[in-house]
Amino acid sequence: MQQETYVIAIFAILILGLLGIDLFIFNKEDHKVSNKEALNWSILWIGVGLLFGAYIYLDFGIEKASQYYSAFLIEKALSVDNLFVFILVFRYFKVPEKYQHKVLFYGILGAIILRGIFIFSGVAIINRTYLPEFEFMGRIFHVNIILTLFGLFLIIAGYKSFRDRGQEDENKDFSKSLGTQLIHRLFRVDPKYHDGKFFVKINGKKFATQLLVVVTVIEFTDLLFAVDSIPAIFAISQDPIILYTSNIFAILGLRALYFLLANSFEMFHYLQHGLSFILAFIGLKMIMASTFHLPSQVSLGVVFLILTLSILVSIRKYNQEKSRF
């Protein structure tokens, strides 16, 4: 209990400190983020997340550290898929580059709150949905209803994601999304950005700006992606502290990573296919968990291998196509 208190305290200090740096330095004024700036911040966020995993190892041992790094890598990988959609959202709404980092900052703040709700409530539900142990064909089964359903869902989601990769998103009309419809129902909306403000007064009447519409669309998009990523990390551990800390450190650096990805969008053709395989692998692991435990170290190795191969194959394809022109 005392160890967990220390973990929570150190985590809270780091998060508040990093968000303060992000808000008062990185987000001090609206500006276009350069590749160099995005790279430096990406290294910082990832480095802090990895160092926190080292602290978990020193205090809790290799098993908890493996769970942390596995959940961190899975969330980071699946969040990249989310970033591809963010790119499409920004293109659709023609968001000026100087306002994009502001939108992502508020998106990450919302994600920190929502992920906490999902993870802690999810663990509580999972702990209450185990069936009594039973024996079948000489094997002992300890089935969890929620984990099994999550596993089936992830396998199906991985298959559909691989089959339909990019076909729907590329032509998606975000003006019909839940976020857009919500803001248009709650407020009058002026389709301009008004120097990065969320609300303006026009002829004495209050209007929401297009920036608020985009932030809301991003929040709803992250909410939908959490349906994939949160069940996936439940396959790694049911320790809410390990899951939440790894999850938040993974998404904290997404804003900086977005700008690197946005400037190299065409280089990662097969990355999203690799993410589909990761979803299917995690789903299979969850289904098998009732009778077979796959060590966290093995899960970490498999996810890392799939991610690495998909990136290398993508870069090779990009270089081949580039050399033709």
Protein backbone atom coordinates (compact mmCIF):
# COMPACT_ATOMS: atom_id res chain seq x y z
CA MET A 1 0.00 0.00 0.00
CA GLN A 2 2.84 2.38 0.86
CA GLN A 3 4.57 1.53 -2.44
CA GLU A 4 1.37 2.33 -4.36
CA THR A 5 1.08 5.65 -2.53
CA TYR A 6 4.61 6.57 -3.63
CA VAL A 7 3.80 5.59 -7.23
CA ILE A 8 0.69 7.75 -7.26
CA ALA A 9 2.53 10.70 -5.69
CA ILE A 10 5.47 10.55 -8.13
CA PHE A 11 3.10 10.06 -11.06
CA ALA A 12 0.97 13.06 -10.03
CA ILE A 13 4.03 15.31 -9.62
CA LEU A 14 5.38 14.31 -13.03
CA ILE A 15 2.06 14.75 -14.80
CA LEU A 16 1.35 18.15 -13.25
CA GLY A 17 4.90 19.27 -14.00
CA LEU A 18 4.80 18.08 -17.61
CA LEU A 19 1.38 19.56 -18.25
CA GLY A 20 2.62 22.84 -16.76
CA ILE A 21 5.60 22.81 -19.11
CA ASP A 22 3.30 21.93 -21.99
CA LEU A 23 0.81 24.67 -21.17
CA PHE A 24 3.18 27.53 -20.31
CA ILE A 25 6.08 26.75 -22.65
CA PHE A 26 4.99 24.54 -25.55
CA ASN A 27 1.49 26.06 -25.68
CA LYS A 28 2.44 29.59 -24.63
CA GLU A 29 1.42 31.10 -27.95
CA ASP A 30 -0.13 29.90 -31.19
CA HIS A 31 2.54 28.86 -33.65
CA LYS A 32 3.41 26.32 -36.29
CA VAL A 33 5.33 23.41 -34.77
CA SER A 34 8.54 22.53 -36.61
CA ASN A 35 9.89 19.00 -37.06
CA LYS A 36 12.81 19.80 -34.75
CA GLU A 37 10.54 21.08 -31.99
CA ALA A 38 8.20 18.11 -32.33
CA LEU A 39 11.13 15.67 -32.27
CA ASN A 40 12.61 17.22 -29.11
CA TRP A 41 9.30 17.08 -27.27
CA SER A 42 8.62 13.54 -28.48
CA ILE A 43 11.97 12.40 -27.09
CA LEU A 44 11.18 14.13 -23.78
CA TRP A 45 7.72 12.54 -23.36
CA ILE A 46 8.84 9.06 -24.40
CA GLY A 47 11.97 9.31 -22.24
CA VAL A 48 10.00 10.24 -19.11
CA GLY A 49 7.56 7.39 -19.76
CA LEU A 50 10.40 4.89 -20.10
CA LEU A 51 12.11 6.19 -16.96
CA PHE A 52 8.89 5.78 -14.99
CA GLY A 53 8.85 2.16 -16.15
CA ALA A 54 12.36 1.78 -14.75
CA TYR A 55 11.08 3.10 -11.41
CA ILE A 56 8.28 0.47 -11.54
CA TYR A 57 10.94 -2.20 -12.11
CA LEU A 58 13.05 -1.07 -9.14
CA ASP A 59 10.06 -0.95 -6.80
CA PHE A 60 7.86 -3.81 -8.04
CA GLY A 61 10.07 -6.12 -10.11
CA ILE A 62 10.28 -7.43 -13.65
CA GLU A 63 6.67 -8.68 -13.98
CA LYS A 64 5.05 -5.33 -13.15
CA ALA A 65 7.61 -3.48 -15.26
CA SER A 66 6.88 -5.80 -18.21
CA GLN A 67 3.17 -5.13 -17.78
CA TYR A 68 3.83 -1.39 -17.70
CA TYR A 69 6.00 -1.40 -20.83
CA SER A 70 3.60 -3.72 -22.69
CA ALA A 71 0.61 -1.50 -21.91
CA PHE A 72 2.69 1.60 -22.73
CA LEU A 73 3.73 0.22 -26.12
CA ILE A 74 0.23 -1.01 -27.00
CA GLU A 75 -1.37 2.33 -26.13
CA LYS A 76 1.36 4.26 -27.96
CA ALA A 77 0.97 2.05 -31.04
CA LEU A 78 -2.82 2.18 -31.12
CA SER A 79 -2.77 5.91 -30.48
CA VAL A 80 -0.80 6.34 -33.69
CA ASP A 81 -3.90 5.00 -35.48
CA ASN A 82 -5.84 7.74 -33.71
CA LEU A 83 -3.37 10.33 -34.98
CA PHE A 84 -4.03 9.30 -38.59
CA VAL A 85 -7.68 10.25 -38.04
CA PHE A 86 -6.65 13.52 -36.37
CA ILE A 87 -4.76 14.38 -39.56
CA LEU A 88 -7.92 13.78 -41.59
CA VAL A 89 -10.00 15.86 -39.14
CA PHE A 90 -7.60 18.81 -39.43
CA ARG A 91 -7.56 18.52 -43.21
CA TYR A 92 -11.34 18.37 -43.40
CA PHE A 93 -11.88 21.45 -41.21
CA LYS A 94 -8.85 23.22 -42.71
CA VAL A 95 -7.45 23.96 -39.25
CA PRO A 96 -4.59 26.50 -39.49
CA GLU A 97 -1.29 24.95 -38.43
CA LYS A 98 -0.79 27.51 -35.65
CA TYR A 99 -3.95 26.28 -33.87
CA GLN A 100 -3.44 22.53 -34.25
CA HIS A 101 -1.28 22.11 -31.15
CA LYS A 102 -3.92 23.93 -29.05
CA VAL A 103 -6.63 21.54 -30.24
CA LEU A 104 -4.46 18.54 -29.41
CA PHE A 105 -3.60 19.90 -25.95
CA TYR A 106 -7.26 20.06 -24.97
CA GLY A 107 -7.82 16.68 -26.59
CA ILE A 108 -5.14 15.13 -24.38
CA LEU A 109 -6.58 16.77 -21.26
CA GLY A 110 -9.93 15.17 -22.03
CA ALA A 111 -8.25 11.83 -22.67
CA ILE A 112 -6.52 11.90 -19.26
CA ILE A 113 -9.89 12.22 -17.52
CA LEU A 114 -11.78 9.73 -19.70
CA ARG A 115 -9.05 7.06 -19.57
CA GLY A 116 -9.07 7.22 -15.77
CA ILE A 117 -12.82 6.61 -15.70
CA PHE A 118 -12.61 3.74 -18.20
CA ILE A 119 -9.63 1.99 -16.62
CA PHE A 120 -10.66 2.08 -12.95
CA SER A 121 -14.30 1.22 -13.67
CA GLY A 122 -13.22 -1.46 -16.17
CA VAL A 123 -10.95 -3.19 -13.65
CA ALA A 124 -13.75 -3.15 -11.08
CA ILE A 125 -16.16 -4.74 -13.56
CA ILE A 126 -13.64 -7.38 -14.68
CA ASN A 127 -12.95 -8.44 -11.09
CA ARG A 128 -16.67 -9.13 -10.65
CA THR A 129 -17.28 -11.11 -13.84
CA TYR A 130 -15.19 -14.27 -13.34
CA LEU A 131 -17.10 -17.53 -13.64
CA PRO A 132 -16.38 -20.34 -11.16
CA GLU A 133 -13.43 -22.52 -12.19
CA PHE A 134 -14.31 -25.70 -14.06
CA GLU A 135 -12.46 -28.60 -15.63
CA PHE A 136 -12.83 -29.63 -19.27
CA MET A 137 -10.77 -32.31 -21.05
CA GLY A 138 -8.24 -32.33 -18.25
CA ARG A 139 -7.73 -28.56 -18.23
CA ILE A 140 -8.80 -26.03 -15.60
CA PHE A 141 -10.66 -23.02 -17.00
CA HIS A 142 -11.17 -19.72 -15.20
CA VAL A 143 -13.25 -17.73 -17.67
CA ASN A 144 -13.94 -14.03 -17.40
CA ILE A 145 -17.03 -13.00 -19.36
CA ILE A 146 -15.92 -9.41 -20.02
CA LEU A 147 -12.37 -10.31 -21.08
CA THR A 148 -13.67 -13.01 -23.43
CA LEU A 149 -16.12 -10.59 -25.05
CA PHE A 150 -13.39 -7.96 -25.31
CA GLY A 151 -11.12 -10.54 -26.95
CA LEU A 152 -13.72 -11.44 -29.58
CA PHE A 153 -14.37 -7.75 -30.19
CA LEU A 154 -10.66 -6.99 -30.72
CA ILE A 155 -10.20 -9.88 -33.14
CA ILE A 156 -13.16 -8.69 -35.20
CA ALA A 157 -11.98 -5.06 -34.96
CA GLY A 158 -8.49 -6.10 -36.10
CA TYR A 159 -9.90 -7.99 -39.08
CA LYS A 160 -12.22 -5.16 -40.14
CA SER A 161 -9.47 -2.60 -39.65
CA PHE A 162 -7.10 -4.62 -41.88
CA ARG A 163 -9.77 -5.21 -44.53
CA ASP A 164 -11.15 -1.68 -44.68
CA ARG A 165 -7.95 0.22 -43.86
CA GLY A 166 -8.33 3.84 -44.88
CA GLN A 167 -11.30 3.28 -47.23
CA GLU A 168 -13.86 4.91 -44.93
CA ASP A 169 -11.75 7.51 -43.16
CA GLU A 170 -10.27 9.10 -46.25
CA ASN A 171 -13.72 10.21 -47.46
CA LYS A 172 -15.41 10.66 -44.10
CA ASP A 173 -17.70 13.66 -43.70
CA PHE A 174 -16.81 15.00 -40.25
CA SER A 175 -19.60 17.58 -40.47
CA LYS A 176 -21.95 14.71 -39.60
CA SER A 177 -19.91 13.46 -36.64
CA LEU A 178 -21.35 13.44 -33.10
CA GLY A 179 -19.00 16.19 -31.96
CA THR A 180 -20.02 18.55 -34.75
CA GLN A 181 -23.72 17.88 -34.27
CA LEU A 182 -23.46 18.40 -30.51
CA ILE A 183 -21.87 21.85 -30.76
CA HIS A 184 -24.31 22.95 -33.48
CA ARG A 185 -27.22 21.94 -31.26
CA LEU A 186 -25.88 23.71 -28.17
CA PHE A 187 -24.61 26.94 -29.73
CA ARG A 188 -24.74 29.18 -32.72
CA VAL A 189 -21.56 28.45 -34.67
CA ASP A 190 -19.48 30.83 -36.74
CA PRO A 191 -17.31 28.80 -39.16
CA LYS A 192 -14.16 30.85 -38.50
CA TYR A 193 -11.28 30.44 -36.03
CA HIS A 194 -11.24 33.97 -34.55
CA ASP A 195 -7.61 34.02 -33.32
CA GLY A 196 -7.89 30.67 -31.56
CA LYS A 197 -10.87 31.55 -29.35
CA PHE A 198 -13.65 29.13 -28.47
CA PHE A 199 -16.40 31.77 -28.21
CA VAL A 200 -16.90 35.21 -29.75
CA LYS A 201 -19.60 37.86 -29.73
CA ILE A 202 -20.96 38.95 -33.11
CA ASN A 203 -23.52 41.77 -33.17
CA GLY A 204 -24.11 41.24 -29.46
CA LYS A 205 -24.78 37.49 -29.84
CA LYS A 206 -22.58 34.68 -28.51
CA PHE A 207 -21.18 32.25 -31.09
CA ALA A 208 -19.02 29.15 -30.77
CA THR A 209 -16.08 29.16 -33.17
CA GLN A 210 -14.95 26.45 -35.53
CA LEU A 211 -12.10 25.73 -33.11
CA LEU A 212 -14.56 24.50 -30.46
CA VAL A 213 -16.18 22.27 -33.07
CA VAL A 214 -12.81 20.70 -33.95
CA VAL A 215 -11.85 20.16 -30.27
CA THR A 216 -15.17 18.41 -29.66
CA VAL A 217 -14.73 16.21 -32.74
CA ILE A 218 -11.24 15.26 -31.50
CA GLU A 219 -12.64 14.39 -28.04
CA PHE A 220 -15.33 12.16 -29.53
CA THR A 221 -12.78 10.55 -31.85
CA ASP A 222 -10.54 9.71 -28.89
CA LEU A 223 -13.56 8.34 -27.04
CA LEU A 224 -14.28 5.95 -29.91
CA PHE A 225 -10.63 4.86 -30.14
CA ALA A 226 -10.58 4.17 -26.40
CA VAL A 227 -13.07 1.39 -27.13
CA ASP A 228 -10.18 -0.43 -28.86
CA SER A 229 -7.20 0.59 -26.76
CA ILE A 230 -8.64 0.23 -23.25
CA PRO A 231 -9.86 -3.38 -23.70
CA ALA A 232 -6.49 -4.20 -25.28
CA ILE A 233 -4.50 -3.23 -22.19
CA PHE A 234 -6.79 -5.28 -19.94
CA ALA A 235 -5.17 -8.29 -21.59
CA ILE A 236 -1.85 -7.21 -20.08
CA SER A 237 -2.83 -6.50 -16.49
CA GLN A 238 -5.73 -5.76 -14.17
CA ASP A 239 -3.64 -3.48 -11.96
CA PRO A 240 -5.33 -0.06 -12.44
CA ILE A 241 -2.25 1.89 -11.36
CA ILE A 242 0.01 0.13 -13.87
CA LEU A 243 -2.60 0.53 -16.61
CA TYR A 244 -3.41 4.16 -15.94
CA THR A 245 0.17 5.40 -15.53
CA SER A 246 1.34 3.58 -18.67
CA ASN A 247 -1.71 4.84 -20.59
CA ILE A 248 -1.24 8.47 -19.63
CA PHE A 249 2.50 8.51 -20.29
CA ALA A 250 1.79 7.00 -23.71
CA ILE A 251 -0.76 9.65 -24.70
CA LEU A 252 1.06 12.64 -23.17
CA GLY A 253 3.52 12.76 -26.04
CA LEU A 254 0.93 12.30 -28.77
CA ARG A 255 0.69 15.97 -29.60
CA ALA A 256 4.37 16.26 -30.45
CA LEU A 257 4.27 12.89 -32.22
CA TYR A 258 1.33 14.10 -34.31
CA PHE A 259 3.42 16.81 -35.97
CA LEU A 260 6.14 14.32 -36.88
CA LEU A 261 3.55 11.95 -38.29
CA ALA A 262 1.64 14.67 -40.13
CA ASN A 263 4.81 15.72 -41.92
CA SER A 264 5.62 12.09 -42.82
CA PHE A 265 2.08 10.80 -43.47
CA GLU A 266 2.97 8.91 -46.65
CA MET A 267 5.90 7.05 -45.08
CA PHE A 268 3.80 4.69 -42.93
CA HIS A 269 1.59 2.86 -45.40
CA TYR A 270 1.72 -0.50 -43.59
CA LEU A 271 1.83 0.81 -40.03
CA GLN A 272 -1.94 0.74 -39.67
CA HIS A 273 -1.97 -2.84 -40.99
CA GLY A 274 0.48 -3.74 -38.23
CA LEU A 275 -1.86 -2.17 -35.68
CA SER A 276 -4.64 -4.43 -36.97
CA PHE A 277 -2.46 -7.48 -36.27
CA ILE A 278 -1.73 -6.13 -32.78
CA LEU A 279 -5.46 -5.84 -32.05
CA ALA A 280 -6.04 -9.41 -33.22
CA PHE A 281 -3.08 -10.75 -31.20
CA ILE A 282 -4.28 -9.03 -28.02
CA GLY A 283 -7.80 -10.32 -28.62
CA LEU A 284 -6.52 -13.90 -28.97
CA LYS A 285 -4.46 -13.49 -25.80
CA MET A 286 -7.57 -12.39 -23.89
CA ILE A 287 -9.59 -15.39 -25.05
CA MET A 288 -6.79 -17.82 -24.21
CA ALA A 289 -6.30 -16.25 -20.77
CA SER A 290 -8.94 -18.54 -19.21
CA THR A 291 -6.62 -21.54 -19.55
CA PHE A 292 -3.23 -20.25 -20.72
CA HIS A 293 -1.20 -17.32 -19.39
CA LEU A 294 1.13 -15.67 -21.88
CA PRO A 295 3.90 -13.87 -19.94
CA SER A 296 3.97 -10.09 -20.22
CA GLN A 297 7.54 -10.24 -21.55
CA VAL A 298 6.35 -12.36 -24.50
CA SER A 299 3.45 -9.98 -25.21
CA LEU A 300 5.86 -7.05 -25.15
CA GLY A 301 8.19 -8.82 -27.60
CA VAL A 302 5.39 -9.73 -30.01
CA VAL A 303 3.88 -6.23 -30.06
CA PHE A 304 7.32 -4.65 -30.50
CA LEU A 305 8.16 -7.06 -33.35
CA ILE A 306 4.89 -6.41 -35.23
CA LEU A 307 5.28 -2.66 -34.83
CA THR A 308 8.93 -2.68 -35.94
CA LEU A 309 8.27 -4.86 -39.00
CA SER A 310 5.32 -2.75 -40.14
CA ILE A 311 7.43 0.44 -39.87
CA LEU A 312 10.40 -1.08 -41.72
CA VAL A 313 8.21 -2.47 -44.52
CA SER A 314 6.43 0.90 -44.80
CA ILE A 315 9.70 2.81 -45.10
CA ARG A 316 10.98 0.34 -47.70
CA LYS A 317 7.81 0.77 -49.78
CA TYR A 318 8.05 4.56 -49.47
CA ASN A 319 11.68 4.58 -50.61
CA GLN A 320 10.91 2.28 -53.55
CA GLU A 321 8.06 4.48 -54.73
CA LYS A 322 10.13 7.61 -54.21
CA SER A 323 12.99 6.21 -56.32
CA ARG A 324 10.63 5.72 -59.28
CA PHE A 325 10.05 9.45 -59.62
